[in-house]
Amino acid sequence: TRANPNGVDLMRNAPIEAHGKVPF
């Protein structure tokens, strides 16, 4: 799987928010 065993994408997991819109 792309994600870790908990179903979390490790490259989307850090506490940082994007500025503006991101792809759905």
mmCIF file of all heavy atoms, coordinates in Angstrom:
data_MODEL
# 
_entry.id   MODEL 
# 
loop_
_atom_site.group_PDB 
_atom_site.id 
_atom_site.type_symbol 
_atom_site.label_atom_id 
_atom_site.label_alt_id 
_atom_site.label_comp_id 
_atom_site.label_asym_id 
_atom_site.label_entity_id 
_atom_site.label_seq_id 
_atom_site.pdbx_PDB_ins_code 
_atom_site.Cartn_x 
_atom_site.Cartn_y 
_atom_site.Cartn_z 
_atom_site.occupancy 
_atom_site.B_iso_or_equiv 
_atom_site.pdbx_formal_charge 
_atom_site.auth_seq_id 
_atom_site.auth_comp_id 
_atom_site.auth_asym_id 
_atom_site.auth_atom_id 
_atom_site.pdbx_PDB_model_num 
ATOM 1   N N   . THR A 1 1  ? 0.843   -1.191 0.000  1.00 0.00 ? 1  THR A N   1 
ATOM 2   C CA  . THR A 1 1  ? 0.000   0.000  0.000  1.00 0.00 ? 1  THR A CA  1 
ATOM 3   C C   . THR A 1 1  ? 0.880   1.242  0.000  1.00 0.00 ? 1  THR A C   1 
ATOM 4   O O   . THR A 1 1  ? 2.000   1.219  0.494  1.00 0.00 ? 1  THR A O   1 
ATOM 5   C CB  . THR A 1 1  ? -0.909  0.050  1.241  1.00 0.00 ? 1  THR A CB  1 
ATOM 6   O OG1 . THR A 1 1  ? -0.098  0.071  2.430  1.00 0.00 ? 1  THR A OG1 1 
ATOM 7   C CG2 . THR A 1 1  ? -1.838  -1.146 1.276  1.00 0.00 ? 1  THR A CG2 1 
ATOM 8   N N   . ARG A 1 2  ? 0.347   2.323  -0.528 1.00 0.00 ? 2  ARG A N   1 
ATOM 9   C CA  . ARG A 1 2  ? 1.064   3.601  -0.508 1.00 0.00 ? 2  ARG A CA  1 
ATOM 10  C C   . ARG A 1 2  ? 1.203   4.100  0.924  1.00 0.00 ? 2  ARG A C   1 
ATOM 11  O O   . ARG A 1 2  ? 2.264   4.590  1.325  1.00 0.00 ? 2  ARG A O   1 
ATOM 12  C CB  . ARG A 1 2  ? 0.286   4.612  -1.350 1.00 0.00 ? 2  ARG A CB  1 
ATOM 13  C CG  . ARG A 1 2  ? 0.839   6.039  -1.295 1.00 0.00 ? 2  ARG A CG  1 
ATOM 14  C CD  . ARG A 1 2  ? -0.081  6.990  -2.054 1.00 0.00 ? 2  ARG A CD  1 
ATOM 15  N NE  . ARG A 1 2  ? 0.348   8.374  -1.904 1.00 0.00 ? 2  ARG A NE  1 
ATOM 16  C CZ  . ARG A 1 2  ? 1.191   9.001  -2.717 1.00 0.00 ? 2  ARG A CZ  1 
ATOM 17  N NH1 . ARG A 1 2  ? 1.721   8.356  -3.739 1.00 0.00 ? 2  ARG A NH1 1 
ATOM 18  N NH2 . ARG A 1 2  ? 1.523   10.266 -2.511 1.00 0.00 ? 2  ARG A NH2 1 
ATOM 19  N N   . ALA A 1 3  ? 0.144   3.956  1.703  1.00 0.00 ? 3  ALA A N   1 
ATOM 20  C CA  . ALA A 1 3  ? 0.107   4.454  3.067  1.00 0.00 ? 3  ALA A CA  1 
ATOM 21  C C   . ALA A 1 3  ? 0.818   3.501  4.021  1.00 0.00 ? 3  ALA A C   1 
ATOM 22  O O   . ALA A 1 3  ? 1.243   2.396  3.640  1.00 0.00 ? 3  ALA A O   1 
ATOM 23  C CB  . ALA A 1 3  ? -1.346  4.642  3.505  1.00 0.00 ? 3  ALA A CB  1 
ATOM 24  N N   . ASN A 1 4  ? 0.923   3.922  5.276  1.00 0.00 ? 4  ASN A N   1 
ATOM 25  C CA  . ASN A 1 4  ? 1.469   3.037  6.305  1.00 0.00 ? 4  ASN A CA  1 
ATOM 26  C C   . ASN A 1 4  ? 0.366   2.091  6.789  1.00 0.00 ? 4  ASN A C   1 
ATOM 27  O O   . ASN A 1 4  ? -0.778  2.170  6.314  1.00 0.00 ? 4  ASN A O   1 
ATOM 28  C CB  . ASN A 1 4  ? 2.101   3.856  7.435  1.00 0.00 ? 4  ASN A CB  1 
ATOM 29  C CG  . ASN A 1 4  ? 1.076   4.478  8.370  1.00 0.00 ? 4  ASN A CG  1 
ATOM 30  O OD1 . ASN A 1 4  ? -0.116  4.530  8.075  1.00 0.00 ? 4  ASN A OD1 1 
ATOM 31  N ND2 . ASN A 1 4  ? 1.529   4.973  9.510  1.00 0.00 ? 4  ASN A ND2 1 
ATOM 32  N N   . PRO A 1 5  ? 0.636   1.177  7.709  1.00 0.00 ? 5  PRO A N   1 
ATOM 33  C CA  . PRO A 1 5  ? -0.401  0.225  8.127  1.00 0.00 ? 5  PRO A CA  1 
ATOM 34  C C   . PRO A 1 5  ? -1.642  0.861  8.732  1.00 0.00 ? 5  PRO A C   1 
ATOM 35  O O   . PRO A 1 5  ? -2.698  0.221  8.793  1.00 0.00 ? 5  PRO A O   1 
ATOM 36  C CB  . PRO A 1 5  ? 0.330   -0.644 9.160  1.00 0.00 ? 5  PRO A CB  1 
ATOM 37  C CG  . PRO A 1 5  ? 1.758   -0.606 8.741  1.00 0.00 ? 5  PRO A CG  1 
ATOM 38  C CD  . PRO A 1 5  ? 1.970   0.793  8.234  1.00 0.00 ? 5  PRO A CD  1 
ATOM 39  N N   . ASN A 1 6  ? -1.564  2.113  9.174  1.00 0.00 ? 6  ASN A N   1 
ATOM 40  C CA  . ASN A 1 6  ? -2.740  2.815  9.702  1.00 0.00 ? 6  ASN A CA  1 
ATOM 41  C C   . ASN A 1 6  ? -3.537  3.518  8.619  1.00 0.00 ? 6  ASN A C   1 
ATOM 42  O O   . ASN A 1 6  ? -4.516  4.209  8.921  1.00 0.00 ? 6  ASN A O   1 
ATOM 43  C CB  . ASN A 1 6  ? -2.315  3.838  10.755 1.00 0.00 ? 6  ASN A CB  1 
ATOM 44  C CG  . ASN A 1 6  ? -1.714  3.194  11.983 1.00 0.00 ? 6  ASN A CG  1 
ATOM 45  O OD1 . ASN A 1 6  ? -2.066  2.065  12.337 1.00 0.00 ? 6  ASN A OD1 1 
ATOM 46  N ND2 . ASN A 1 6  ? -0.800  3.894  12.641 1.00 0.00 ? 6  ASN A ND2 1 
ATOM 47  N N   . GLY A 1 7  ? -3.105  3.372  7.359  1.00 0.00 ? 7  GLY A N   1 
ATOM 48  C CA  . GLY A 1 7  ? -3.813  4.011  6.257  1.00 0.00 ? 7  GLY A CA  1 
ATOM 49  C C   . GLY A 1 7  ? -3.442  5.462  6.045  1.00 0.00 ? 7  GLY A C   1 
ATOM 50  O O   . GLY A 1 7  ? -4.122  6.183  5.305  1.00 0.00 ? 7  GLY A O   1 
ATOM 51  N N   . VAL A 1 8  ? -2.348  5.919  6.675  1.00 0.00 ? 8  VAL A N   1 
ATOM 52  C CA  . VAL A 1 8  ? -1.937  7.324  6.585  1.00 0.00 ? 8  VAL A CA  1 
ATOM 53  C C   . VAL A 1 8  ? -0.818  7.474  5.561  1.00 0.00 ? 8  VAL A C   1 
ATOM 54  O O   . VAL A 1 8  ? 0.181   6.745  5.593  1.00 0.00 ? 8  VAL A O   1 
ATOM 55  C CB  . VAL A 1 8  ? -1.467  7.845  7.957  1.00 0.00 ? 8  VAL A CB  1 
ATOM 56  C CG1 . VAL A 1 8  ? -0.939  9.274  7.843  1.00 0.00 ? 8  VAL A CG1 1 
ATOM 57  C CG2 . VAL A 1 8  ? -2.598  7.775  8.975  1.00 0.00 ? 8  VAL A CG2 1 
ATOM 58  N N   . ASP A 1 9  ? -0.978  8.422  4.658  1.00 0.00 ? 9  ASP A N   1 
ATOM 59  C CA  . ASP A 1 9  ? 0.068   8.778  3.694  1.00 0.00 ? 9  ASP A CA  1 
ATOM 60  C C   . ASP A 1 9  ? 1.114   9.609  4.433  1.00 0.00 ? 9  ASP A C   1 
ATOM 61  O O   . ASP A 1 9  ? 0.839   10.734 4.867  1.00 0.00 ? 9  ASP A O   1 
ATOM 62  C CB  . ASP A 1 9  ? -0.541  9.571  2.544  1.00 0.00 ? 9  ASP A CB  1 
ATOM 63  C CG  . ASP A 1 9  ? 0.436   9.832  1.408  1.00 0.00 ? 9  ASP A CG  1 
ATOM 64  O OD1 . ASP A 1 9  ? 1.655   9.977  1.684  1.00 0.00 ? 9  ASP A OD1 1 
ATOM 65  O OD2 . ASP A 1 9  ? 0.004   9.913  0.251  1.00 0.00 ? 9  ASP A OD2 1 
ATOM 66  N N   . LEU A 1 10 ? 2.313   9.084  4.557  1.00 0.00 ? 10 LEU A N   1 
ATOM 67  C CA  . LEU A 1 10 ? 3.339   9.742  5.358  1.00 0.00 ? 10 LEU A CA  1 
ATOM 68  C C   . LEU A 1 10 ? 3.805   11.065 4.755  1.00 0.00 ? 10 LEU A C   1 
ATOM 69  O O   . LEU A 1 10 ? 4.370   11.901 5.461  1.00 0.00 ? 10 LEU A O   1 
ATOM 70  C CB  . LEU A 1 10 ? 4.537   8.807  5.552  1.00 0.00 ? 10 LEU A CB  1 
ATOM 71  C CG  . LEU A 1 10 ? 4.232   7.504  6.307  1.00 0.00 ? 10 LEU A CG  1 
ATOM 72  C CD1 . LEU A 1 10 ? 5.486   6.630  6.402  1.00 0.00 ? 10 LEU A CD1 1 
ATOM 73  C CD2 . LEU A 1 10 ? 3.687   7.791  7.702  1.00 0.00 ? 10 LEU A CD2 1 
ATOM 74  N N   . MET A 1 11 ? 3.553   11.271 3.464  1.00 0.00 ? 11 MET A N   1 
ATOM 75  C CA  . MET A 1 11 ? 3.907   12.547 2.839  1.00 0.00 ? 11 MET A CA  1 
ATOM 76  C C   . MET A 1 11 ? 2.765   13.568 2.896  1.00 0.00 ? 11 MET A C   1 
ATOM 77  O O   . MET A 1 11 ? 2.828   14.632 2.272  1.00 0.00 ? 11 MET A O   1 
ATOM 78  C CB  . MET A 1 11 ? 4.323   12.333 1.378  1.00 0.00 ? 11 MET A CB  1 
ATOM 79  C CG  . MET A 1 11 ? 5.670   11.658 1.214  1.00 0.00 ? 11 MET A CG  1 
ATOM 80  S SD  . MET A 1 11 ? 7.035   12.534 2.019  1.00 0.00 ? 11 MET A SD  1 
ATOM 81  C CE  . MET A 1 11 ? 7.107   14.036 1.061  1.00 0.00 ? 11 MET A CE  1 
ATOM 82  N N   . ARG A 1 12 ? 1.711   13.251 3.646  1.00 0.00 ? 12 ARG A N   1 
ATOM 83  C CA  . ARG A 1 12 ? 0.610   14.197 3.880  1.00 0.00 ? 12 ARG A CA  1 
ATOM 84  C C   . ARG A 1 12 ? 0.351   14.352 5.382  1.00 0.00 ? 12 ARG A C   1 
ATOM 85  O O   . ARG A 1 12 ? -0.660  14.908 5.779  1.00 0.00 ? 12 ARG A O   1 
ATOM 86  C CB  . ARG A 1 12 ? -0.690  13.698 3.210  1.00 0.00 ? 12 ARG A CB  1 
ATOM 87  C CG  . ARG A 1 12 ? -0.592  13.388 1.727  1.00 0.00 ? 12 ARG A CG  1 
ATOM 88  C CD  . ARG A 1 12 ? -0.436  14.628 0.884  1.00 0.00 ? 12 ARG A CD  1 
ATOM 89  N NE  . ARG A 1 12 ? -0.538  14.331 -0.536 1.00 0.00 ? 12 ARG A NE  1 
ATOM 90  C CZ  . ARG A 1 12 ? 0.460   13.920 -1.297 1.00 0.00 ? 12 ARG A CZ  1 
ATOM 91  N NH1 . ARG A 1 12 ? 1.667   13.751 -0.773 1.00 0.00 ? 12 ARG A NH1 1 
ATOM 92  N NH2 . ARG A 1 12 ? 0.281   13.671 -2.581 1.00 0.00 ? 12 ARG A NH2 1 
ATOM 93  N N   . ASN A 1 13 ? 1.264   13.874 6.219  1.00 0.00 ? 13 ASN A N   1 
ATOM 94  C CA  . ASN A 1 13 ? 0.994   13.658 7.637  1.00 0.00 ? 13 ASN A CA  1 
ATOM 95  C C   . ASN A 1 13 ? 1.584   14.719 8.561  1.00 0.00 ? 13 ASN A C   1 
ATOM 96  O O   . ASN A 1 13 ? 1.239   14.770 9.740  1.00 0.00 ? 13 ASN A O   1 
ATOM 97  C CB  . ASN A 1 13 ? 1.503   12.264 8.026  1.00 0.00 ? 13 ASN A CB  1 
ATOM 98  C CG  . ASN A 1 13 ? 1.273   11.900 9.463  1.00 0.00 ? 13 ASN A CG  1 
ATOM 99  O OD1 . ASN A 1 13 ? 2.195   11.506 10.178 1.00 0.00 ? 13 ASN A OD1 1 
ATOM 100 N ND2 . ASN A 1 13 ? 0.040   12.022 9.930  1.00 0.00 ? 13 ASN A ND2 1 
ATOM 101 N N   . ALA A 1 14 ? 2.458   15.575 8.060  1.00 0.00 ? 14 ALA A N   1 
ATOM 102 C CA  . ALA A 1 14 ? 3.092   16.583 8.920  1.00 0.00 ? 14 ALA A CA  1 
ATOM 103 C C   . ALA A 1 14 ? 2.101   17.691 9.260  1.00 0.00 ? 14 ALA A C   1 
ATOM 104 O O   . ALA A 1 14 ? 1.162   17.961 8.499  1.00 0.00 ? 14 ALA A O   1 
ATOM 105 C CB  . ALA A 1 14 ? 4.318   17.160 8.229  1.00 0.00 ? 14 ALA A CB  1 
ATOM 106 N N   . PRO A 1 15 ? 2.281   18.372 10.402 1.00 0.00 ? 15 PRO A N   1 
ATOM 107 C CA  . PRO A 1 15 ? 1.356   19.439 10.813 1.00 0.00 ? 15 PRO A CA  1 
ATOM 108 C C   . PRO A 1 15 ? 1.626   20.741 10.076 1.00 0.00 ? 15 PRO A C   1 
ATOM 109 O O   . PRO A 1 15 ? 2.146   21.716 10.634 1.00 0.00 ? 15 PRO A O   1 
ATOM 110 C CB  . PRO A 1 15 ? 1.639   19.563 12.312 1.00 0.00 ? 15 PRO A CB  1 
ATOM 111 C CG  . PRO A 1 15 ? 3.063   19.155 12.468 1.00 0.00 ? 15 PRO A CG  1 
ATOM 112 C CD  . PRO A 1 15 ? 3.289   18.078 11.440 1.00 0.00 ? 15 PRO A CD  1 
ATOM 113 N N   . ILE A 1 16 ? 1.279   20.761 8.812  1.00 0.00 ? 16 ILE A N   1 
ATOM 114 C CA  . ILE A 1 16 ? 1.500   21.955 7.995  1.00 0.00 ? 16 ILE A CA  1 
ATOM 115 C C   . ILE A 1 16 ? 0.370   22.044 6.971  1.00 0.00 ? 16 ILE A C   1 
ATOM 116 O O   . ILE A 1 16 ? -0.006  21.038 6.359  1.00 0.00 ? 16 ILE A O   1 
ATOM 117 C CB  . ILE A 1 16 ? 2.889   21.904 7.315  1.00 0.00 ? 16 ILE A CB  1 
ATOM 118 C CG1 . ILE A 1 16 ? 3.181   23.171 6.543  1.00 0.00 ? 16 ILE A CG1 1 
ATOM 119 C CG2 . ILE A 1 16 ? 3.024   20.698 6.404  1.00 0.00 ? 16 ILE A CG2 1 
ATOM 120 C CD1 . ILE A 1 16 ? 4.631   23.275 6.099  1.00 0.00 ? 16 ILE A CD1 1 
ATOM 121 N N   . GLU A 1 17 ? -0.205  23.233 6.836  1.00 0.00 ? 17 GLU A N   1 
ATOM 122 C CA  . GLU A 1 17 ? -1.353  23.447 5.960  1.00 0.00 ? 17 GLU A CA  1 
ATOM 123 C C   . GLU A 1 17 ? -0.925  24.176 4.693  1.00 0.00 ? 17 GLU A C   1 
ATOM 124 O O   . GLU A 1 17 ? -0.132  25.116 4.742  1.00 0.00 ? 17 GLU A O   1 
ATOM 125 C CB  . GLU A 1 17 ? -2.425  24.260 6.679  1.00 0.00 ? 17 GLU A CB  1 
ATOM 126 C CG  . GLU A 1 17 ? -2.962  23.624 7.954  1.00 0.00 ? 17 GLU A CG  1 
ATOM 127 C CD  . GLU A 1 17 ? -3.700  22.330 7.689  1.00 0.00 ? 17 GLU A CD  1 
ATOM 128 O OE1 . GLU A 1 17 ? -4.476  22.281 6.720  1.00 0.00 ? 17 GLU A OE1 1 
ATOM 129 O OE2 . GLU A 1 17 ? -3.505  21.368 8.467  1.00 0.00 ? 17 GLU A OE2 1 
ATOM 130 N N   . ALA A 1 18 ? -1.458  23.751 3.581  1.00 0.00 ? 18 ALA A N   1 
ATOM 131 C CA  . ALA A 1 18 ? -1.156  24.396 2.302  1.00 0.00 ? 18 ALA A CA  1 
ATOM 132 C C   . ALA A 1 18 ? -1.832  25.759 2.216  1.00 0.00 ? 18 ALA A C   1 
ATOM 133 O O   . ALA A 1 18 ? -2.883  25.987 2.820  1.00 0.00 ? 18 ALA A O   1 
ATOM 134 C CB  . ALA A 1 18 ? -1.605  23.517 1.150  1.00 0.00 ? 18 ALA A CB  1 
ATOM 135 N N   . HIS A 1 19 ? -1.227  26.647 1.460  1.00 0.00 ? 19 HIS A N   1 
ATOM 136 C CA  . HIS A 1 19 ? -1.796  27.969 1.206  1.00 0.00 ? 19 HIS A CA  1 
ATOM 137 C C   . HIS A 1 19 ? -2.683  27.887 -0.034 1.00 0.00 ? 19 HIS A C   1 
ATOM 138 O O   . HIS A 1 19 ? -2.234  27.478 -1.107 1.00 0.00 ? 19 HIS A O   1 
ATOM 139 C CB  . HIS A 1 19 ? -0.689  28.998 0.972  1.00 0.00 ? 19 HIS A CB  1 
ATOM 140 C CG  . HIS A 1 19 ? 0.225   29.157 2.151  1.00 0.00 ? 19 HIS A CG  1 
ATOM 141 N ND1 . HIS A 1 19 ? 1.417   29.857 2.074  1.00 0.00 ? 19 HIS A ND1 1 
ATOM 142 C CD2 . HIS A 1 19 ? 0.140   28.711 3.428  1.00 0.00 ? 19 HIS A CD2 1 
ATOM 143 C CE1 . HIS A 1 19 ? 2.008   29.831 3.259  1.00 0.00 ? 19 HIS A CE1 1 
ATOM 144 N NE2 . HIS A 1 19 ? 1.258   29.141 4.089  1.00 0.00 ? 19 HIS A NE2 1 
ATOM 145 N N   . GLY A 1 20 ? -3.939  28.276 0.111  1.00 0.00 ? 20 GLY A N   1 
ATOM 146 C CA  . GLY A 1 20 ? -4.837  28.245 -1.031 1.00 0.00 ? 20 GLY A CA  1 
ATOM 147 C C   . GLY A 1 20 ? -5.383  26.853 -1.298 1.00 0.00 ? 20 GLY A C   1 
ATOM 148 O O   . GLY A 1 20 ? -5.322  25.957 -0.448 1.00 0.00 ? 20 GLY A O   1 
ATOM 149 N N   . LYS A 1 21 ? -5.901  26.670 -2.492 1.00 0.00 ? 21 LYS A N   1 
ATOM 150 C CA  . LYS A 1 21 ? -6.541  25.411 -2.858 1.00 0.00 ? 21 LYS A CA  1 
ATOM 151 C C   . LYS A 1 21 ? -5.511  24.332 -3.180 1.00 0.00 ? 21 LYS A C   1 
ATOM 152 O O   . LYS A 1 21 ? -4.439  24.615 -3.708 1.00 0.00 ? 21 LYS A O   1 
ATOM 153 C CB  . LYS A 1 21 ? -7.460  25.618 -4.060 1.00 0.00 ? 21 LYS A CB  1 
ATOM 154 C CG  . LYS A 1 21 ? -8.667  26.497 -3.780 1.00 0.00 ? 21 LYS A CG  1 
ATOM 155 C CD  . LYS A 1 21 ? -9.564  26.606 -5.008 1.00 0.00 ? 21 LYS A CD  1 
ATOM 156 C CE  . LYS A 1 21 ? -10.790 27.468 -4.710 1.00 0.00 ? 21 LYS A CE  1 
ATOM 157 N NZ  . LYS A 1 21 ? -11.679 27.575 -5.894 1.00 0.00 ? 21 LYS A NZ  1 
ATOM 158 N N   . VAL A 1 22 ? -5.877  23.089 -2.857 1.00 0.00 ? 22 VAL A N   1 
ATOM 159 C CA  . VAL A 1 22 ? -5.073  21.924 -3.250 1.00 0.00 ? 22 VAL A CA  1 
ATOM 160 C C   . VAL A 1 22 ? -5.967  20.987 -4.046 1.00 0.00 ? 22 VAL A C   1 
ATOM 161 O O   . VAL A 1 22 ? -7.193  21.050 -3.931 1.00 0.00 ? 22 VAL A O   1 
ATOM 162 C CB  . VAL A 1 22 ? -4.494  21.197 -2.017 1.00 0.00 ? 22 VAL A CB  1 
ATOM 163 C CG1 . VAL A 1 22 ? -3.619  22.117 -1.194 1.00 0.00 ? 22 VAL A CG1 1 
ATOM 164 C CG2 . VAL A 1 22 ? -5.603  20.606 -1.159 1.00 0.00 ? 22 VAL A CG2 1 
ATOM 165 N N   . PRO A 1 23 ? -5.395  20.103 -4.882 1.00 0.00 ? 23 PRO A N   1 
ATOM 166 C CA  . PRO A 1 23 ? -6.221  19.157 -5.630 1.00 0.00 ? 23 PRO A CA  1 
ATOM 167 C C   . PRO A 1 23 ? -7.030  18.275 -4.683 1.00 0.00 ? 23 PRO A C   1 
ATOM 168 O O   . PRO A 1 23 ? -6.524  17.824 -3.652 1.00 0.00 ? 23 PRO A O   1 
ATOM 169 C CB  . PRO A 1 23 ? -5.197  18.339 -6.418 1.00 0.00 ? 23 PRO A CB  1 
ATOM 170 C CG  . PRO A 1 23 ? -3.964  19.171 -6.452 1.00 0.00 ? 23 PRO A CG  1 
ATOM 171 C CD  . PRO A 1 23 ? -3.959  19.965 -5.191 1.00 0.00 ? 23 PRO A CD  1 
ATOM 172 N N   . PHE A 1 24 ? -8.279  18.015 -5.035 1.00 0.00 ? 24 PHE A N   1 
ATOM 173 C CA  . PHE A 1 24 ? -9.152  17.181 -4.213 1.00 0.00 ? 24 PHE A CA  1 
ATOM 174 C C   . PHE A 1 24 ? -8.524  15.806 -4.001 1.00 0.00 ? 24 PHE A C   1 
ATOM 175 O O   . PHE A 1 24 ? -8.049  15.177 -4.949 1.00 0.00 ? 24 PHE A O   1 
ATOM 176 C CB  . PHE A 1 24 ? -10.522 17.045 -4.891 1.00 0.00 ? 24 PHE A CB  1 
ATOM 177 C CG  . PHE A 1 24 ? -11.490 16.188 -4.129 1.00 0.00 ? 24 PHE A CG  1 
ATOM 178 C CD1 . PHE A 1 24 ? -11.912 16.553 -2.856 1.00 0.00 ? 24 PHE A CD1 1 
ATOM 179 C CD2 . PHE A 1 24 ? -11.962 15.000 -4.669 1.00 0.00 ? 24 PHE A CD2 1 
ATOM 180 C CE1 . PHE A 1 24 ? -12.811 15.763 -2.142 1.00 0.00 ? 24 PHE A CE1 1 
ATOM 181 C CE2 . PHE A 1 24 ? -12.848 14.202 -3.967 1.00 0.00 ? 24 PHE A CE2 1 
ATOM 182 C CZ  . PHE A 1 24 ? -13.282 14.586 -2.695 1.00 0.00 ? 24 PHE A CZ  1 
# 
